[in-house]
C-alpha atoms as a PDB file:
ATOM      1  CA  MET A   1      -0.023  -0.022  -0.004  1.00  0.00           C
ATOM      2  CA  SER A   2       1.367   3.420  -1.006  1.00  0.00           C
ATOM      3  CA  LEU A   3       1.792   6.099   1.609  1.00  0.00           C
ATOM      4  CA  GLN A   4      -0.832   8.223  -0.047  1.00  0.00           C
ATOM      5  CA  ARG A   5      -3.409   5.481   0.172  1.00  0.00           C
ATOM      6  CA  TYR A   6      -2.518   4.695   3.708  1.00  0.00           C
ATOM      7  CA  ARG A   7      -3.091   8.309   4.760  1.00  0.00           C
ATOM      8  CA  LEU A   8      -6.375   8.334   2.816  1.00  0.00           C
ATOM      9  CA  LEU A   9      -7.422   5.271   4.726  1.00  0.00           C
ATOM     10  CA  GLN A  10      -6.524   6.991   7.983  1.00  0.00           C
ATOM     11  CA  ALA A  11      -8.694   9.972   7.027  1.00  0.00           C
ATOM     12  CA  PHE A  12     -11.614   7.661   6.240  1.00  0.00           C
ATOM     13  CA  VAL A  13     -11.356   5.953   9.635  1.00  0.00           C
ATOM     14  CA  LEU A  14     -11.212   9.252  11.460  1.00  0.00           C
ATOM     15  CA  ALA A  15     -14.155  10.560   9.462  1.00  0.00           C
ATOM     16  CA  GLY A  16     -16.074   7.380  10.274  1.00  0.00           C
ATOM     17  CA  LEU A  17     -15.394   7.910  13.955  1.00  0.00           C
ATOM     18  CA  GLY A  18     -16.602  11.431  13.702  1.00  0.00           C
ATOM     19  CA  LEU A  19     -19.858  10.418  12.072  1.00  0.00           C
ATOM     20  CA  TYR A  20     -20.457   7.709  14.630  1.00  0.00           C
ATOM     21  CA  LEU A  21     -19.799  10.180  17.512  1.00  0.00           C
ATOM     22  CA  GLY A  22     -22.127  12.696  15.782  1.00  0.00           C
ATOM     23  CA  HIS A  23     -24.899  10.101  15.470  1.00  0.00           C
ATOM     24  CA  GLN A  24     -24.502   9.133  19.236  1.00  0.00           C
ATOM     25  CA  ILE A  25     -24.828  12.822  20.254  1.00  0.00           C
ATOM     26  CA  TRP A  26     -27.812  13.391  17.934  1.00  0.00           C
ATOM     27  CA  SER A  27     -29.634  10.304  19.243  1.00  0.00           C
ATOM     28  CA  GLY A  28     -28.835  11.069  22.880  1.00  0.00           C
ATOM     29  CA  ALA A  29     -27.106   7.715  23.287  1.00  0.00           C
ATOM     30  CA  LEU A  30     -23.902   9.392  24.319  1.00  0.00           C
ATOM     31  CA  ASN A  31     -25.444  10.329  27.642  1.00  0.00           C
ATOM     32  CA  LEU A  32     -25.551   6.553  28.451  1.00  0.00           C
ATOM     33  CA  TYR A  33     -21.721   6.354  28.285  1.00  0.00           C
ATOM     34  CA  ALA A  34     -20.386   9.599  29.825  1.00  0.00           C
ATOM     35  CA  PRO A  35     -21.356  12.516  32.055  1.00  0.00           C
ATOM     36  CA  TRP A  36     -21.195  16.119  30.963  1.00  0.00           C
ATOM     37  CA  PRO A  37     -17.443  16.681  30.312  1.00  0.00           C
ATOM     38  CA  PRO A  38     -15.526  19.970  30.769  1.00  0.00           C
ATOM     39  CA  VAL A  39     -14.788  22.147  27.718  1.00  0.00           C
ATOM     40  CA  TRP A  40     -10.991  22.456  27.972  1.00  0.00           C
ATOM     41  CA  PRO A  41     -10.202  19.023  26.609  1.00  0.00           C
ATOM     42  CA  LEU A  42     -12.111  19.929  23.444  1.00  0.00           C
ATOM     43  CA  LEU A  43     -10.148  23.169  23.146  1.00  0.00           C
ATOM     44  CA  LEU A  44      -6.925  21.186  23.662  1.00  0.00           C
ATOM     45  CA  MET A  45      -7.944  18.727  20.988  1.00  0.00           C
ATOM     46  CA  ALA A  46      -8.820  21.612  18.564  1.00  0.00           C
ATOM     47  CA  LEU A  47      -5.407  23.147  18.907  1.00  0.00           C
ATOM     48  CA  PRO A  48      -3.655  20.985  16.230  1.00  0.00           C
ATOM     49  CA  VAL A  49      -6.457  21.706  13.765  1.00  0.00           C
ATOM     50  CA  VAL A  50      -6.168  25.499  14.293  1.00  0.00           C
ATOM     51  CA  LEU A  51      -2.360  25.355  13.923  1.00  0.00           C
ATOM     52  CA  GLY A  52      -2.680  23.178  10.833  1.00  0.00           C
ATOM     53  CA  LEU A  53      -4.911  25.896   9.274  1.00  0.00           C
ATOM     54  CA  LEU A  54      -2.789  28.799  10.379  1.00  0.00           C
ATOM     55  CA  PHE A  55       0.491  27.176   9.396  1.00  0.00           C
ATOM     56  CA  PRO A  56       0.194  24.885   6.326  1.00  0.00           C
ATOM     57  CA  PRO A  57       2.878  22.070   6.345  1.00  0.00           C
ATOM     58  CA  GLN A  58       5.876  22.533   4.167  1.00  0.00           C
ATOM     59  CA  ALA A  59       8.434  20.090   3.022  1.00  0.00           C
ATOM     60  CA  LEU A  60      12.044  20.403   4.213  1.00  0.00           C
ATOM     61  CA  GLY A  61      14.215  22.319   1.757  1.00  0.00           C
ATOM     62  CA  ALA A  62      17.475  24.188   1.394  1.00  0.00           C
ATOM     63  CA  SER A  63      17.331  26.005   4.783  1.00  0.00           C
ATOM     64  CA  ALA A  64      17.061  22.565   6.551  1.00  0.00           C
ATOM     65  CA  VAL A  65      20.084  21.385   4.501  1.00  0.00           C
ATOM     66  CA  THR A  66      22.032  24.364   5.731  1.00  0.00           C
ATOM     67  CA  ASN A  67      21.044  23.615   9.390  1.00  0.00           C
ATOM     68  CA  ARG A  68      21.701  19.980   9.361  1.00  0.00           C
ATOM     69  CA  GLY A  69      24.738  19.929   7.140  1.00  0.00           C
ATOM     70  CA  LEU A  70      25.313  18.193   3.842  1.00  0.00           C
ATOM     71  CA  ASN A  71      27.535  15.167   3.292  1.00  0.00           C
ATOM     72  CA  PRO A  72      26.977  13.985  -0.269  1.00  0.00           C
ATOM     73  CA  SER A  73      29.061  10.854   0.413  1.00  0.00           C
ATOM     74  CA  ALA A  74      27.242   9.771   3.581  1.00  0.00           C
ATOM     75  CA  PRO A  75      26.762   5.991   3.609  1.00  0.00           C
ATOM     76  CA  LEU A  76      22.957   5.276   3.273  1.00  0.00           C
ATOM     77  CA  SER A  77      23.213   1.775   1.929  1.00  0.00           C
ATOM     78  CA  ALA A  78      22.687  -0.287   5.041  1.00  0.00           C
ATOM     79  CA  ASN A  79      19.165  -1.500   3.984  1.00  0.00           C
ATOM     80  CA  SER A  80      19.993  -2.052   0.309  1.00  0.00           C
ATOM     81  CA  SER A  81      22.542  -3.763  -1.910  1.00  0.00           C
ATOM     82  CA  ALA A  82      24.519  -2.439  -4.810  1.00  0.00           C
ATOM     83  CA  GLY A  83      23.156  -5.266  -6.943  1.00  0.00           C
ATOM     84  CA  VAL A  84      19.561  -4.048  -6.576  1.00  0.00           C
ATOM     85  CA  THR A  85      20.511  -0.537  -7.153  1.00  0.00           C
ATOM     86  CA  LEU A  86      22.659  -1.203 -10.203  1.00  0.00           C
ATOM     87  CA  GLY A  87      19.776  -3.433 -11.593  1.00  0.00           C
ATOM     88  CA  LEU A  88      17.901  -0.250 -12.155  1.00  0.00           C
ATOM     89  CA  ALA A  89      18.247   1.492 -15.453  1.00  0.00           C
ATOM     90  CA  PRO A  90      20.543   4.521 -14.818  1.00  0.00           C
ATOM     91  CA  ALA A  91      17.777   6.977 -15.906  1.00  0.00           C
ATOM     92  CA  ASP A  92      15.445   5.408 -13.300  1.00  0.00           C
ATOM     93  CA  ARG A  93      17.729   5.894 -10.375  1.00  0.00           C
ATOM     94  CA  THR A  94      16.862   8.458  -7.732  1.00  0.00           C
ATOM     95  CA  ILE A  95      19.463  10.579  -5.982  1.00  0.00           C
ATOM     96  CA  LEU A  96      19.499   8.116  -3.169  1.00  0.00           C
ATOM     97  CA  ASP A  97      20.066   5.224  -5.645  1.00  0.00           C
ATOM     98  CA  TRP A  98      23.111   6.935  -7.194  1.00  0.00           C
ATOM     99  CA  GLN A  99      24.511   7.700  -3.772  1.00  0.00           C
ATOM    100  CA  ARG A 100      24.065   4.111  -2.599  1.00  0.00           C
ATOM    101  CA  ALA A 101      25.795   2.826  -5.801  1.00  0.00           C
ATOM    102  CA  PHE A 102      28.640   5.319  -5.309  1.00  0.00           C
ATOM    103  CA  ASP A 103      29.081   4.362  -1.656  1.00  0.00           C
ATOM    104  CA  GLN A 104      29.338   0.607  -2.378  1.00  0.00           C
ATOM    105  CA  PRO A 105      33.005  -0.480  -2.313  1.00  0.00           C
ATOM    106  CA  SER A 106      32.241  -3.415  -4.628  1.00  0.00           C
ATOM    107  CA  THR A 107      30.696  -1.122  -7.221  1.00  0.00           C
ATOM    108  CA  GLY A 108      33.706   0.780  -8.299  1.00  0.00           C
ATOM    109  CA  THR A 109      33.214   4.354  -9.371  1.00  0.00           C
ATOM    110  CA  ALA A 110      34.645   3.543 -12.777  1.00  0.00           C
ATOM    111  CA  SER A 111      31.559   1.499 -13.612  1.00  0.00           C
ATOM    112  CA  LEU A 112      29.334   4.528 -13.047  1.00  0.00           C
ATOM    113  CA  GLU A 113      31.448   6.880 -15.089  1.00  0.00           C
ATOM    114  CA  GLY A 114      29.529   8.426 -17.927  1.00  0.00           C
ATOM    115  CA  GLN A 115      26.245   6.715 -17.099  1.00  0.00           C
ATOM    116  CA  PRO A 116      23.097   8.865 -17.829  1.00  0.00           C
ATOM    117  CA  ALA A 117      21.361  10.302 -14.803  1.00  0.00           C
ATOM    118  CA  ASN A 118      17.847  11.720 -14.779  1.00  0.00           C
ATOM    119  CA  VAL A 119      16.902  12.867 -11.261  1.00  0.00           C
ATOM    120  CA  THR A 120      14.482  15.231  -9.563  1.00  0.00           C
ATOM    121  CA  GLY A 121      15.205  17.304  -6.581  1.00  0.00           C
ATOM    122  CA  PHE A 122      15.320  20.793  -5.137  1.00  0.00           C
ATOM    123  CA  VAL A 123      18.161  23.236  -5.685  1.00  0.00           C
ATOM    124  CA  TYR A 124      20.652  23.818  -2.876  1.00  0.00           C
ATOM    125  CA  HIS A 125      23.432  26.413  -3.362  1.00  0.00           C
ATOM    126  CA  ASP A 126      26.457  25.797  -1.045  1.00  0.00           C
ATOM    127  CA  PRO A 127      28.390  28.997  -0.650  1.00  0.00           C
ATOM    128  CA  ARG A 128      31.645  26.954  -1.068  1.00  0.00           C
ATOM    129  CA  LEU A 129      30.705  26.089  -4.693  1.00  0.00           C
ATOM    130  CA  PRO A 130      31.537  28.101  -7.747  1.00  0.00           C
ATOM    131  CA  ASP A 131      28.678  29.868  -9.593  1.00  0.00           C
ATOM    132  CA  ASP A 132      28.406  27.128 -12.191  1.00  0.00           C
ATOM    133  CA  ARG A 133      27.603  24.423  -9.675  1.00  0.00           C
ATOM    134  CA  PHE A 134      24.753  23.492  -7.341  1.00  0.00           C
ATOM    135  CA  PHE A 135      23.353  20.468  -5.551  1.00  0.00           C
ATOM    136  CA  VAL A 136      20.206  18.670  -6.552  1.00  0.00           C
ATOM    137  CA  SER A 137      18.847  17.422  -3.217  1.00  0.00           C
ATOM    138  CA  ARG A 138      16.200  15.337  -1.594  1.00  0.00           C
ATOM    139  CA  PHE A 139      15.554  14.316   1.994  1.00  0.00           C
ATOM    140  CA  VAL A 140      15.436  10.653   3.072  1.00  0.00           C
ATOM    141  CA  LEU A 141      12.935   9.724   5.772  1.00  0.00           C
ATOM    142  CA  THR A 142      13.345   6.609   7.843  1.00  0.00           C
ATOM    143  CA  CYS A 143      10.866   7.243  10.633  1.00  0.00           C
ATOM    144  CA  GLY A 144       9.872  10.797  10.381  1.00  0.00           C
ATOM    145  CA  VAL A 145      10.985  14.359   9.681  1.00  0.00           C
ATOM    146  CA  VAL A 146      13.017  14.444  12.819  1.00  0.00           C
ATOM    147  CA  ASP A 147      15.554  11.874  11.412  1.00  0.00           C
ATOM    148  CA  ALA A 148      15.384  13.213   7.807  1.00  0.00           C
ATOM    149  CA  THR A 149      18.779  13.070   6.070  1.00  0.00           C
ATOM    150  CA  PRO A 150      19.671  15.123   3.111  1.00  0.00           C
ATOM    151  CA  VAL A 151      21.147  13.449   0.082  1.00  0.00           C
ATOM    152  CA  ALA A 152      22.472  15.239  -2.971  1.00  0.00           C
ATOM    153  CA  LEU A 153      24.308  15.081  -6.239  1.00  0.00           C
ATOM    154  CA  LEU A 154      26.722  17.749  -7.442  1.00  0.00           C
ATOM    155  CA  VAL A 155      25.547  19.403 -10.704  1.00  0.00           C
ATOM    156  CA  TRP A 156      27.524  21.400 -13.194  1.00  0.00           C
ATOM    157  CA  TRP A 157      25.453  23.927 -15.028  1.00  0.00           C
ATOM    158  CA  PRO A 158      26.544  27.200 -16.507  1.00  0.00           C
ATOM    159  CA  SER A 159      23.376  28.966 -15.414  1.00  0.00           C
ATOM    160  CA  ALA A 160      23.372  27.434 -11.797  1.00  0.00           C
ATOM    161  CA  LYS A 161      23.443  30.846 -10.155  1.00  0.00           C
ATOM    162  CA  GLN A 162      20.103  31.677 -11.826  1.00  0.00           C
ATOM    163  CA  LEU A 163      18.302  28.828 -10.082  1.00  0.00           C
ATOM    164  CA  PRO A 164      16.770  29.874  -6.706  1.00  0.00           C
ATOM    165  CA  ASP A 165      17.121  27.635  -3.710  1.00  0.00           C
ATOM    166  CA  ASP A 166      14.216  25.306  -3.117  1.00  0.00           C
ATOM    167  CA  SER A 167      13.177  25.335  -6.730  1.00  0.00           C
ATOM    168  CA  TRP A 168      12.422  21.855  -7.973  1.00  0.00           C
ATOM    169  CA  VAL A 169      14.317  20.773 -11.095  1.00  0.00           C
ATOM    170  CA  GLN A 170      14.845  17.729 -13.267  1.00  0.00           C
ATOM    171  CA  VAL A 171      18.501  17.256 -14.052  1.00  0.00           C
ATOM    172  CA  SER A 172      19.756  14.940 -16.864  1.00  0.00           C
ATOM    173  CA  GLY A 173      23.204  14.281 -18.054  1.00  0.00           C
ATOM    174  CA  PRO A 174      26.209  11.896 -17.564  1.00  0.00           C
ATOM    175  CA  VAL A 175      27.757  11.350 -14.165  1.00  0.00           C
ATOM    176  CA  HIS A 176      31.440  11.796 -13.327  1.00  0.00           C
ATOM    177  CA  GLN A 177      33.465  11.691 -10.247  1.00  0.00           C
ATOM    178  CA  ASP A 178      34.308  14.999  -8.611  1.00  0.00           C
ATOM    179  CA  THR A 179      35.372  16.228  -5.071  1.00  0.00           C
ATOM    180  CA  TYR A 180      33.559  18.386  -2.504  1.00  0.00           C
ATOM    181  CA  ALA A 181      35.010  19.422   0.800  1.00  0.00           C
ATOM    182  CA  GLY A 182      37.938  17.050   0.134  1.00  0.00           C
ATOM    183  CA  GLN A 183      35.716  13.952  -0.419  1.00  0.00           C
ATOM    184  CA  PRO A 184      34.943  12.115  -3.681  1.00  0.00           C
ATOM    185  CA  VAL A 185      31.368  12.659  -4.928  1.00  0.00           C
ATOM    186  CA  LEU A 186      29.307  12.160  -8.067  1.00  0.00           C
ATOM    187  CA  ARG A 187      28.719  15.148 -10.329  1.00  0.00           C
ATOM    188  CA  ILE A 188      26.091  15.368 -13.050  1.00  0.00           C
ATOM    189  CA  GLN A 189      27.497  17.111 -16.198  1.00  0.00           C
ATOM    190  CA  ALA A 190      24.064  18.537 -16.883  1.00  0.00           C
ATOM    191  CA  GLN A 191      22.814  18.578 -20.399  1.00  0.00           C
ATOM    192  CA  ASN A 192      19.397  19.753 -19.396  1.00  0.00           C
ATOM    193  CA  VAL A 193      17.996  21.344 -16.192  1.00  0.00           C
ATOM    194  CA  ALA A 194      14.235  21.963 -16.227  1.00  0.00           C
ATOM    195  CA  ILE A 195      12.116  23.647 -13.637  1.00  0.00           C
ATOM    196  CA  VAL A 196       9.368  21.156 -12.492  1.00  0.00           C
ATOM    197  CA  THR A 197       6.497  20.951 -10.003  1.00  0.00           C
ATOM    198  CA  ALA A 198       7.401  19.632  -6.657  1.00  0.00           C
ATOM    199  CA  PRO A 199       6.314  15.881  -6.359  1.00  0.00           C
ATOM    200  CA  ALA A 200       3.276  15.080  -4.171  1.00  0.00           C
ATOM    201  CA  VAL A 201       5.630  13.060  -1.939  1.00  0.00           C
ATOM    202  CA  PRO A 202       8.867  15.165  -1.811  1.00  0.00           C
ATOM    203  CA  TYR A 203      10.781  12.663   0.331  1.00  0.00           C
ATOM    204  CA  LEU A 204      12.646   9.471  -0.448  1.00  0.00           C
ATOM    205  CA  TYR A 205      12.479   6.329   1.605  1.00  0.00           C
ATOM    206  CA  PRO A 206      15.143   3.758   2.171  1.00  0.00           C
END
């Protein structure tokens, strides 16, 4: 079951409970189960609803990367194998798939050299990068937003400076090895960078 369908099922269950409670109140049957309750618990339960309406949820973006720090070579392959990742067509790999393949000692970066990437993520400008480079990034969620980890691929693009942080882009081009902060990383020699709409589910899952 997809995450979207699971959340939809949760909404139906909660709506069903609300309808059932409303029926019990309307019929007077609720008086058989409980005395007249105080008002403050209802106000407390309504607080998340009010906050949700006043402050719509937003996906983690470039500012969160700055706060949490970015390590494009962080090993995130504990729950996957290089064989599974490399079994995907290069153009079907996500940013996380490319990083997993790159982090696998048995893979060898030479086998990835020149393969075509086609990934989607948000723009993150690291102040240490020259004007013709940026990171295409996503957050990986294991349990929740609290443990979200940023993953990214370095991108070479002559007009990189014109792309605003947090704009979602689709980047395509061959991958090559590069360095960032003294560490080896993968770089996409972008042949095309297109502004796209943010996906309905902006996060990746291991």
